[in-house]
Amino acid sequence: MVAFLRNVNQGQRGQPTTDDIRGAFDDAGCRDIRTFQSNGTVLFDADDPASVVQVAEVAVAERSGHAREIFWIPLGRLTEIAEIPHADMPELYEVTVHDGGTITADSGEIADQAGRRRCALVASGDRWALVRNDVAQQGNATPLIETLTGGRASSRGLPTVIRLIDRFAR
């Protein structure tokens, strides 16, 4: 499983540390905990990832004093998302994990919202979305998905996701 912690920049003041995050997942009973980069991305093994994430959220707050939402997705699903055609420029894309169910990409309202945020919803599934930004390295996916679902979300750039997959899934 892969967890995305929302709004984390490990090593910065006011942020959970790598030890806080690893410890929180350990407190939640995870096996084989590995952090990736310093953006709150965690690979973990658990039989019940939804329960693990709930416990880890509480533990991160207790350990660090900073509450953070955590979203999870199976590594295999992340691999499938990364294989969706994006030949033009991977750096334009973001993968977002959220708790809002499935977003239907063919809605006119979604296209309007995305256009206002200078991006487009390319694909979506249960608790995930692939967004293409108009400009490389813009972070428009999280606010778009949060507007569409009314809930929280966390995104990673597609190049980051591809590096994660190359390191851990291939």
Protein backbone atom coordinates (compact mmCIF):
# COMPACT_ATOMS: atom_id res chain seq x y z
CA MET A 1 0.00 0.00 0.00
CA VAL A 2 1.02 3.60 -0.51
CA ALA A 3 -0.04 6.41 1.82
CA PHE A 4 -0.07 10.10 0.93
CA LEU A 5 0.01 12.38 3.96
CA ARG A 6 -1.58 15.73 3.18
CA ASN A 7 0.55 18.88 3.34
CA VAL A 8 3.78 17.35 4.62
CA ASN A 9 7.28 18.61 4.01
CA GLN A 10 9.41 16.51 6.35
CA GLY A 11 12.31 18.35 7.90
CA GLN A 12 10.58 21.73 7.93
CA ARG A 13 9.48 23.50 11.10
CA GLY A 14 5.88 22.71 12.00
CA GLN A 15 5.88 19.41 10.12
CA PRO A 16 5.89 15.79 11.27
CA THR A 17 9.37 14.27 11.05
CA THR A 18 10.26 11.06 9.26
CA ASP A 19 10.56 9.39 12.69
CA ASP A 20 7.08 10.67 13.64
CA ILE A 21 5.60 9.25 10.45
CA ARG A 22 7.39 5.90 10.60
CA GLY A 23 6.53 5.59 14.30
CA ALA A 24 2.86 6.36 13.64
CA PHE A 25 2.62 3.60 11.03
CA ASP A 26 4.45 1.26 13.42
CA ASP A 27 1.95 2.20 16.16
CA ALA A 28 -0.82 1.28 13.70
CA GLY A 29 0.62 -2.21 13.34
CA CYS A 30 2.13 -1.89 9.87
CA ARG A 31 4.79 -4.14 8.49
CA ASP A 32 7.59 -3.15 6.13
CA ILE A 33 7.28 0.64 6.51
CA ARG A 34 9.28 2.68 3.98
CA THR A 35 9.17 6.42 3.49
CA PHE A 36 9.76 7.90 0.05
CA GLN A 37 11.16 11.38 -0.49
CA SER A 38 10.26 14.03 2.09
CA ASN A 39 6.69 14.72 1.03
CA GLY A 40 4.82 12.35 3.33
CA THR A 41 4.71 9.36 0.99
CA VAL A 42 4.85 6.04 2.83
CA LEU A 43 4.83 2.46 1.59
CA PHE A 44 3.47 -0.03 4.08
CA ASP A 45 2.09 -3.53 4.38
CA ALA A 46 -1.17 -4.11 6.26
CA ASP A 47 -4.16 -6.42 6.10
CA ASP A 48 -6.62 -3.57 6.75
CA PRO A 49 -5.15 -0.38 5.27
CA ALA A 50 -8.22 1.76 6.03
CA SER A 51 -7.96 1.00 9.76
CA VAL A 52 -4.20 1.45 9.70
CA VAL A 53 -4.54 4.91 8.18
CA GLN A 54 -7.10 5.95 10.83
CA VAL A 55 -4.78 4.86 13.63
CA ALA A 56 -1.73 6.41 11.93
CA GLU A 57 -3.50 9.78 11.58
CA VAL A 58 -4.08 9.92 15.34
CA ALA A 59 -0.54 8.70 16.04
CA VAL A 60 1.05 11.31 13.73
CA ALA A 61 -0.81 14.05 15.59
CA GLU A 62 0.16 12.64 18.99
CA ARG A 63 3.82 12.13 18.08
CA SER A 64 4.37 15.40 16.23
CA GLY A 65 1.71 17.78 17.50
CA HIS A 66 0.63 18.30 13.88
CA ALA A 67 -2.53 16.64 12.56
CA ARG A 68 -2.38 15.44 8.97
CA GLU A 69 -4.93 13.59 6.86
CA ILE A 70 -3.67 10.36 5.32
CA PHE A 71 -4.98 8.72 2.16
CA TRP A 72 -4.00 5.30 0.83
CA ILE A 73 -3.99 3.44 -2.45
CA PRO A 74 -2.70 -0.01 -3.43
CA LEU A 75 0.69 0.14 -5.15
CA GLY A 76 -0.70 -1.95 -8.01
CA ARG A 77 -3.46 0.61 -8.63
CA LEU A 78 -0.90 3.42 -8.57
CA THR A 79 1.07 1.49 -11.19
CA GLU A 80 -2.04 1.19 -13.38
CA ILE A 81 -2.69 4.95 -13.09
CA ALA A 82 0.91 5.72 -14.05
CA GLU A 83 0.45 3.64 -17.21
CA ILE A 84 -2.48 5.77 -18.44
CA PRO A 85 -1.19 7.46 -21.61
CA HIS A 86 0.65 10.68 -20.77
CA ALA A 87 3.20 10.76 -23.58
CA ASP A 88 3.11 14.51 -24.04
CA MET A 89 4.74 15.58 -20.74
CA PRO A 90 4.57 13.55 -17.49
CA GLU A 91 5.54 16.65 -15.48
CA LEU A 92 2.12 18.14 -16.30
CA TYR A 93 0.26 15.37 -14.44
CA GLU A 94 -0.66 14.81 -10.81
CA VAL A 95 -2.10 11.72 -9.15
CA THR A 96 -4.55 12.57 -6.39
CA VAL A 97 -5.85 10.26 -3.69
CA HIS A 98 -8.99 11.34 -1.83
CA ASP A 99 -11.87 10.03 0.23
CA GLY A 100 -14.72 11.22 -2.00
CA GLY A 101 -15.62 8.10 -3.98
CA THR A 102 -15.50 8.19 -7.78
CA ILE A 103 -15.62 11.41 -9.77
CA THR A 104 -17.31 11.14 -13.16
CA ALA A 105 -14.94 12.77 -15.62
CA ASP A 106 -17.54 13.58 -18.29
CA SER A 107 -19.49 16.15 -16.29
CA GLY A 108 -19.72 19.69 -17.67
CA GLU A 109 -19.44 21.06 -14.12
CA ILE A 110 -16.17 19.21 -13.65
CA ALA A 111 -14.78 20.60 -16.89
CA ASP A 112 -15.79 24.14 -15.82
CA GLN A 113 -14.18 23.75 -12.39
CA ALA A 114 -11.01 22.30 -13.92
CA GLY A 115 -10.83 25.05 -16.53
CA ARG A 116 -10.99 27.70 -13.80
CA ARG A 117 -8.04 25.99 -12.11
CA ARG A 118 -6.04 25.64 -15.35
CA CYS A 119 -6.17 21.85 -15.47
CA ALA A 120 -8.24 18.92 -16.74
CA LEU A 121 -9.46 15.72 -15.14
CA VAL A 122 -7.98 12.97 -17.34
CA ALA A 123 -9.12 9.83 -15.52
CA SER A 124 -10.61 8.83 -12.20
CA GLY A 125 -11.62 5.84 -10.16
CA ASP A 126 -12.55 4.89 -6.63
CA ARG A 127 -10.78 7.48 -4.42
CA TRP A 128 -8.24 8.58 -7.07
CA ALA A 129 -7.90 11.00 -9.97
CA LEU A 130 -5.33 11.82 -12.64
CA VAL A 131 -5.19 15.54 -13.45
CA ARG A 132 -3.30 17.28 -16.26
CA ASN A 133 -2.17 20.82 -15.44
CA ASP A 134 -1.86 23.48 -18.14
CA VAL A 135 1.64 24.37 -16.89
CA ALA A 136 4.34 21.97 -15.66
CA GLN A 137 4.75 21.58 -11.91
CA GLN A 138 1.63 23.51 -11.00
CA GLY A 139 -0.31 22.06 -8.09
CA ASN A 140 -3.91 22.34 -9.23
CA ALA A 141 -5.09 18.77 -8.63
CA THR A 142 -5.63 18.88 -4.86
CA PRO A 143 -7.77 22.04 -4.86
CA LEU A 144 -9.75 20.79 -7.86
CA ILE A 145 -10.52 17.40 -6.31
CA GLU A 146 -11.31 18.97 -2.93
CA THR A 147 -13.78 21.32 -4.62
CA LEU A 148 -15.40 18.47 -6.55
CA THR A 149 -15.69 16.07 -3.60
CA GLY A 150 -16.15 18.47 -0.70
CA GLY A 151 -13.49 16.49 1.15
CA ARG A 152 -9.74 16.46 1.57
CA ALA A 153 -7.19 15.11 -0.91
CA SER A 154 -3.44 14.77 -1.42
CA SER A 155 -1.54 14.76 -4.70
CA ARG A 156 1.85 13.75 -6.04
CA GLY A 157 3.36 14.70 -9.36
CA LEU A 158 3.39 11.88 -11.89
CA PRO A 159 7.23 11.92 -12.14
CA THR A 160 7.35 11.28 -8.36
CA VAL A 161 4.85 8.43 -8.71
CA ILE A 162 6.87 6.92 -11.56
CA ARG A 163 10.08 7.07 -9.47
CA LEU A 164 8.25 5.39 -6.57
CA ILE A 165 6.99 2.61 -8.84
CA ASP A 166 10.43 2.13 -10.44
CA ARG A 167 11.99 1.80 -7.01
CA PHE A 168 9.43 -0.40 -5.25
CA ALA A 169 7.23 -2.18 -7.80
CA ARG A 170 9.51 -3.17 -10.67
